[in-house]
């Protein structure tokens, strides 16, 4: 079937018609006549403005303190750390910049905004009021406490299942930390008996992904190092909460939709690595609850935001 690069007379990128605009786009989506690249540009301007407010992409809303970062994480539920606008997700760096087109420079050491975001990241991590770790797709995430059981249900593993899920090196690191409780990177490597730095790095990344280990603090004197500790030591109550995977995926979809205002075809699966049917089931559940409105195949909008725009 031949696909059209862009439908004549349909300015998708600058459409502000909301649901009415998508009524014209829907036939092209369902018949496969619209490329995903065109759809990505289809966000109505009011959705971009919604994200400006939620993601602190405005000069008047940009963050400059650990308290403000924590308040943003609590409101959003989750955000990235040092990523820029190209990831399509909120981050501490974007919030520090306070604009849509925040791009990380190559020389971050000499950039004030990048340096400030890094300092705030370290402060928030050390305070321990929100979760911080390298989680989905190797990216560093901040999570509100209410999202810890959600992520743990999807990507974590139980203590009984560790031997069948974790690598040998990851189990060694975990065993040492459960004995020592907290350790600097070099000391942890020595205690584990690893010959190569990469062995510890890969094991730590695996344990962070499984929500077993978190960085507790970053030290710069006499040399840079992280202090590592157990996730269960910092967030014991949240990690005790049990949740079915299906429920957790739906709650993640809920938080993501409320954070973004609108999600496009394949977006949830692309960001978090879910199967398409799994994302679809979660979004359909939100529609059934009245939390979301389905505009087209794979396109969902926050029902409250739709209602507010209709009233205005």
Protein backbone atom coordinates (compact mmCIF):
# COMPACT_ATOMS: atom_id res chain seq x y z
CA UNK A 1 0.00 0.00 0.00
CA UNK A 2 1.38 3.39 -1.00
CA UNK A 3 1.91 5.81 1.87
CA UNK A 4 1.65 9.56 1.62
CA UNK A 5 4.43 11.71 3.05
CA UNK A 6 1.86 14.33 3.95
CA UNK A 7 -1.79 14.71 3.12
CA UNK A 8 -2.41 17.74 0.84
CA UNK A 9 -4.07 20.60 2.61
CA UNK A 10 -3.67 19.13 6.09
CA UNK A 11 -1.26 21.09 8.25
CA UNK A 12 -0.75 18.56 11.02
CA UNK A 13 2.20 20.20 12.70
CA UNK A 14 0.44 23.45 13.48
CA UNK A 15 -3.03 22.07 14.03
CA UNK A 16 -4.69 23.40 17.17
CA UNK A 17 -8.04 21.81 16.57
CA UNK A 18 -7.57 19.13 19.25
CA UNK A 19 -10.14 16.34 18.83
CA UNK A 20 -11.69 18.03 15.81
CA UNK A 21 -8.31 18.09 14.09
CA UNK A 22 -7.75 14.41 14.78
CA UNK A 23 -11.13 13.56 13.31
CA UNK A 24 -9.63 14.56 9.96
CA UNK A 25 -6.40 12.67 10.62
CA UNK A 26 -8.05 9.44 11.81
CA UNK A 27 -8.93 8.04 8.35
CA UNK A 28 -5.30 8.43 7.28
CA UNK A 29 -4.12 6.63 10.41
CA UNK A 30 -6.50 3.71 10.18
CA UNK A 31 -5.82 3.19 6.46
CA UNK A 32 -2.05 3.43 6.92
CA UNK A 33 -1.75 6.52 4.73
CA UNK A 34 0.06 8.59 7.32
CA UNK A 35 3.65 8.03 8.38
CA UNK A 36 4.54 7.86 12.07
CA UNK A 37 7.02 10.70 11.47
CA UNK A 38 4.14 12.94 10.47
CA UNK A 39 2.11 11.86 13.46
CA UNK A 40 4.91 12.77 15.86
CA UNK A 41 4.56 16.35 14.66
CA UNK A 42 0.83 16.35 15.23
CA UNK A 43 0.72 17.60 18.81
CA UNK A 44 -1.75 20.47 19.11
CA UNK A 45 -0.29 23.69 20.46
CA UNK A 46 -2.42 23.50 23.61
CA UNK A 47 -0.75 20.18 24.44
CA UNK A 48 2.67 21.77 24.03
CA UNK A 49 1.55 24.55 26.34
CA UNK A 50 0.27 21.97 28.81
CA UNK A 51 3.70 20.35 28.79
CA UNK A 52 5.36 23.75 29.16
CA UNK A 53 3.59 24.11 32.49
CA UNK A 54 4.01 20.54 33.71
CA UNK A 55 7.62 20.12 32.57
CA UNK A 56 8.72 23.62 33.67
CA UNK A 57 9.57 24.66 30.12
CA UNK A 58 8.82 28.30 30.85
CA UNK A 59 11.18 30.96 32.15
CA UNK A 60 8.87 31.77 35.06
CA UNK A 61 8.62 28.10 36.10
CA UNK A 62 12.21 26.87 35.75
CA UNK A 63 13.74 25.22 38.80
CA UNK A 64 16.78 26.35 40.76
CA UNK A 65 16.68 24.43 44.04
CA UNK A 66 16.44 20.86 45.30
CA UNK A 67 13.02 21.64 46.80
CA UNK A 68 11.72 22.72 43.40
CA UNK A 69 13.10 19.60 41.72
CA UNK A 70 11.42 17.38 44.31
CA UNK A 71 8.14 19.28 43.91
CA UNK A 72 8.29 18.73 40.14
CA UNK A 73 8.99 15.00 40.56
CA UNK A 74 6.11 14.67 43.01
CA UNK A 75 3.74 16.42 40.61
CA UNK A 76 4.81 14.50 37.50
CA UNK A 77 5.43 11.16 39.19
CA UNK A 78 8.66 10.63 37.27
CA UNK A 79 11.21 12.44 35.13
CA UNK A 80 14.67 11.99 33.69
CA UNK A 81 17.86 13.54 34.98
CA UNK A 82 20.34 14.98 32.49
CA UNK A 83 18.59 14.51 29.15
CA UNK A 84 17.47 17.26 26.80
CA UNK A 85 14.50 17.96 24.53
CA UNK A 86 15.44 15.23 22.03
CA UNK A 87 14.22 12.48 24.41
CA UNK A 88 10.67 13.87 24.46
CA UNK A 89 10.38 13.49 28.24
CA UNK A 90 10.64 15.93 31.15
CA UNK A 91 14.00 16.16 32.87
CA UNK A 92 15.82 18.14 35.52
CA UNK A 93 18.03 19.66 32.84
CA UNK A 94 15.05 20.91 30.80
CA UNK A 95 13.45 22.33 33.95
CA UNK A 96 16.67 24.16 34.82
CA UNK A 97 16.78 25.64 31.30
CA UNK A 98 13.08 26.59 31.38
CA UNK A 99 12.49 26.30 27.63
CA UNK A 100 11.29 23.82 25.00
CA UNK A 101 14.46 23.70 22.90
CA UNK A 102 16.88 22.76 25.68
CA UNK A 103 19.83 20.93 24.10
CA UNK A 104 22.77 19.61 26.08
CA UNK A 105 26.03 21.20 24.86
CA UNK A 106 29.07 19.09 24.05
CA UNK A 107 31.21 20.81 26.65
CA UNK A 108 28.96 20.42 29.67
CA UNK A 109 31.66 21.42 32.16
CA UNK A 110 31.63 25.01 30.92
CA UNK A 111 27.85 25.28 30.53
CA UNK A 112 26.07 26.93 33.47
CA UNK A 113 22.71 25.20 32.95
CA UNK A 114 24.23 21.73 32.62
CA UNK A 115 26.43 22.29 35.67
CA UNK A 116 23.51 23.60 37.69
CA UNK A 117 21.33 20.63 36.74
CA UNK A 118 24.14 18.25 37.74
CA UNK A 119 24.51 19.90 41.15
CA UNK A 120 20.75 19.76 41.76
CA UNK A 121 20.70 16.11 40.71
CA UNK A 122 23.37 15.32 43.31
CA UNK A 123 21.55 17.30 46.03
CA UNK A 124 18.24 15.58 45.42
CA UNK A 125 19.91 12.17 45.30
CA UNK A 126 21.65 12.78 48.64
CA UNK A 127 18.44 13.97 50.33
CA UNK A 128 16.70 10.69 49.48
CA UNK A 129 13.16 12.06 49.39
CA UNK A 130 12.56 10.78 45.86
CA UNK A 131 13.95 7.67 44.16
CA UNK A 132 16.94 8.09 41.85
CA UNK A 133 18.63 5.41 39.78
CA UNK A 134 19.48 4.13 36.32
CA UNK A 135 16.28 2.34 35.38
CA UNK A 136 14.46 1.99 32.04
CA UNK A 137 16.69 1.73 28.96
CA UNK A 138 19.76 2.72 30.94
CA UNK A 139 18.52 6.24 31.68
CA UNK A 140 18.69 7.87 35.10
CA UNK A 141 15.20 8.52 36.46
CA UNK A 142 13.71 10.36 39.40
CA UNK A 143 10.58 8.71 40.80
CA UNK A 144 8.03 9.98 43.26
CA UNK A 145 7.55 7.52 46.11
CA UNK A 146 4.12 6.50 44.81
CA UNK A 147 5.76 5.27 41.58
CA UNK A 148 8.32 3.00 43.29
CA UNK A 149 5.89 0.03 43.64
CA UNK A 150 4.84 0.53 40.00
CA UNK A 151 8.37 0.36 38.59
CA UNK A 152 9.31 -2.44 40.97
CA UNK A 153 6.35 -4.56 39.85
CA UNK A 154 7.39 -4.18 36.21
CA UNK A 155 11.20 -4.27 36.32
CA UNK A 156 12.12 -5.48 39.80
CA UNK A 157 12.49 -9.03 41.06
CA UNK A 158 11.73 -10.66 44.39
CA UNK A 159 14.46 -11.79 46.73
CA UNK A 160 13.45 -15.41 46.17
CA UNK A 161 13.82 -14.98 42.42
CA UNK A 162 17.20 -13.24 42.41
CA UNK A 163 19.21 -16.38 41.69
CA UNK A 164 17.25 -17.04 38.53
CA UNK A 165 17.23 -13.45 37.28
CA UNK A 166 20.45 -11.74 38.35
CA UNK A 167 23.88 -12.46 36.90
CA UNK A 168 26.60 -14.01 39.05
CA UNK A 169 28.44 -10.70 39.45
CA UNK A 170 25.25 -8.87 40.39
CA UNK A 171 24.55 -11.45 43.09
CA UNK A 172 28.07 -10.97 44.47
CA UNK A 173 27.62 -7.19 44.68
CA UNK A 174 24.24 -7.61 46.32
CA UNK A 175 25.63 -10.05 48.88
CA UNK A 176 28.44 -7.63 49.83
CA UNK A 177 26.09 -4.64 50.13
CA UNK A 178 23.68 -6.59 52.32
CA UNK A 179 26.58 -7.22 54.65
CA UNK A 180 28.21 -3.76 54.57
CA UNK A 181 25.02 -1.73 53.89
CA UNK A 182 26.85 1.09 52.01
CA UNK A 183 30.18 1.31 50.17
CA UNK A 184 32.12 3.57 47.81
CA UNK A 185 32.71 2.30 44.28
CA UNK A 186 36.39 1.38 44.71
CA UNK A 187 35.82 -0.33 48.06
CA UNK A 188 32.88 -2.26 46.64
CA UNK A 189 34.95 -3.48 43.72
CA UNK A 190 37.70 -4.65 46.05
CA UNK A 191 35.25 -6.40 48.37
CA UNK A 192 33.67 -8.21 45.44
CA UNK A 193 37.05 -9.31 44.10
CA UNK A 194 36.47 -7.96 40.58
CA UNK A 195 39.58 -7.59 38.47
CA UNK A 196 38.06 -5.21 35.92
CA UNK A 197 36.08 -2.02 36.52
CA UNK A 198 33.59 -3.04 33.83
CA UNK A 199 32.56 -6.08 35.87
CA UNK A 200 31.37 -3.84 38.70
CA UNK A 201 29.85 -1.26 36.35
CA UNK A 202 27.73 -3.85 34.55
CA UNK A 203 26.66 -5.46 37.82
CA UNK A 204 25.69 -2.10 39.35
CA UNK A 205 23.72 -1.14 36.24
CA UNK A 206 21.88 -4.47 36.36
CA UNK A 207 21.05 -4.04 40.04
CA UNK A 208 19.81 -0.50 39.48
CA UNK A 209 17.61 -1.70 36.64
CA UNK A 210 16.16 -4.35 38.96
CA UNK A 211 15.70 -1.72 41.71
CA UNK A 212 18.04 -3.49 44.13
CA UNK A 213 20.74 -0.82 44.48
CA UNK A 214 20.75 2.98 44.35
CA UNK A 215 23.46 5.66 44.51
CA UNK A 216 23.17 7.29 47.92
CA UNK A 217 25.61 10.14 47.49
CA UNK A 218 28.21 11.54 45.09
CA UNK A 219 31.55 12.55 46.62
CA UNK A 220 34.14 14.67 44.79
CA UNK A 221 36.96 14.89 47.39
CA UNK A 222 39.59 13.46 47.37
CA UNK A 223 38.30 11.92 44.12
CA UNK A 224 34.93 11.37 42.51
CA UNK A 225 32.97 8.33 43.66
CA UNK A 226 29.44 7.20 44.33
CA UNK A 227 28.33 5.74 47.63
CA UNK A 228 26.10 2.74 46.91
CA UNK A 229 23.40 1.34 49.14
CA UNK A 230 20.40 -0.98 49.00
CA UNK A 231 17.12 0.34 47.62
CA UNK A 232 15.28 -1.44 50.42
CA UNK A 233 17.34 0.54 52.95
CA UNK A 234 16.12 3.86 51.58
CA UNK A 235 12.59 2.98 50.56
CA UNK A 236 11.58 -0.05 52.64
CA UNK A 237 7.84 0.66 52.82
CA UNK A 238 7.40 1.40 49.12
CA UNK A 239 9.28 -1.74 48.05
CA UNK A 240 7.10 -3.91 50.30
CA UNK A 241 3.97 -3.00 48.31
CA UNK A 242 2.94 -5.79 45.95
CA UNK A 243 1.22 -5.06 42.66
CA UNK A 244 0.30 -7.13 39.61
CA UNK A 245 2.16 -6.27 36.43
CA UNK A 246 -1.06 -5.48 34.56
CA UNK A 247 -2.09 -3.01 37.26
CA UNK A 248 1.39 -1.48 37.33
CA UNK A 249 1.47 -0.95 33.56
CA UNK A 250 -1.94 0.76 33.70
CA UNK A 251 -0.78 3.04 36.53
CA UNK A 252 2.36 3.90 34.60
CA UNK A 253 0.23 4.67 31.54
CA UNK A 254 -1.97 6.88 33.73
CA UNK A 255 0.99 8.81 35.11
CA UNK A 256 2.56 9.14 31.66
CA UNK A 257 -0.65 10.44 30.09
CA UNK A 258 -1.21 12.95 32.87
CA UNK A 259 2.40 14.05 32.53
CA UNK A 260 2.18 14.49 28.76
CA UNK A 261 -1.48 15.42 28.22
CA UNK A 262 -1.55 13.32 25.06
CA UNK A 263 0.22 10.18 23.79
CA UNK A 264 0.74 9.13 20.20
CA UNK A 265 0.85 5.84 18.32
CA UNK A 266 3.44 3.48 19.82
CA UNK A 267 4.73 6.14 22.22
CA UNK A 268 4.19 4.31 25.51
CA UNK A 269 5.72 1.11 24.14
CA UNK A 270 8.65 3.01 22.66
CA UNK A 271 9.49 4.88 25.84
CA UNK A 272 9.21 1.93 28.22
CA UNK A 273 9.71 -1.18 26.09
CA UNK A 274 6.23 -2.66 26.52
CA UNK A 275 4.55 -4.89 23.97
CA UNK A 276 2.03 -2.96 21.86
CA UNK A 277 -0.84 -5.11 23.13
CA UNK A 278 0.22 -4.43 26.71
CA UNK A 279 0.24 -0.66 26.19
CA UNK A 280 -3.07 -0.86 24.34
CA UNK A 281 -4.72 -2.78 27.15
CA UNK A 282 -3.52 -0.24 29.71
CA UNK A 283 -4.72 2.73 27.65
CA UNK A 284 -8.08 1.08 26.94
CA UNK A 285 -8.49 0.62 30.68
CA UNK A 286 -7.94 4.36 31.17
CA UNK A 287 -10.58 5.08 28.52
CA UNK A 288 -13.05 2.78 30.27
CA UNK A 289 -12.42 4.67 33.51
CA UNK A 290 -13.11 7.98 31.80
CA UNK A 291 -9.54 9.12 32.52
CA UNK A 292 -8.55 9.21 28.84
CA UNK A 293 -10.17 9.87 25.48
CA UNK A 294 -9.25 7.75 22.45
CA UNK A 295 -8.82 10.04 19.44
CA UNK A 296 -7.54 7.51 16.90
CA UNK A 297 -5.67 4.22 16.76
CA UNK A 298 -3.01 4.45 19.46
CA UNK A 299 -3.70 8.13 20.15
CA UNK A 300 -4.99 9.06 23.61
CA UNK A 301 -5.64 12.35 25.33
CA UNK A 302 -6.18 13.19 28.95
CA UNK A 303 -9.96 13.50 29.37
CA UNK A 304 -9.68 16.34 31.87
CA UNK A 305 -7.45 18.33 29.52
CA UNK A 306 -9.88 17.73 26.65
CA UNK A 307 -12.79 18.94 28.77
CA UNK A 308 -10.90 22.04 29.89
CA UNK A 309 -10.07 22.97 26.30
CA UNK A 310 -13.67 22.46 25.23
CA UNK A 311 -14.93 24.73 28.00
CA UNK A 312 -12.47 27.47 27.11
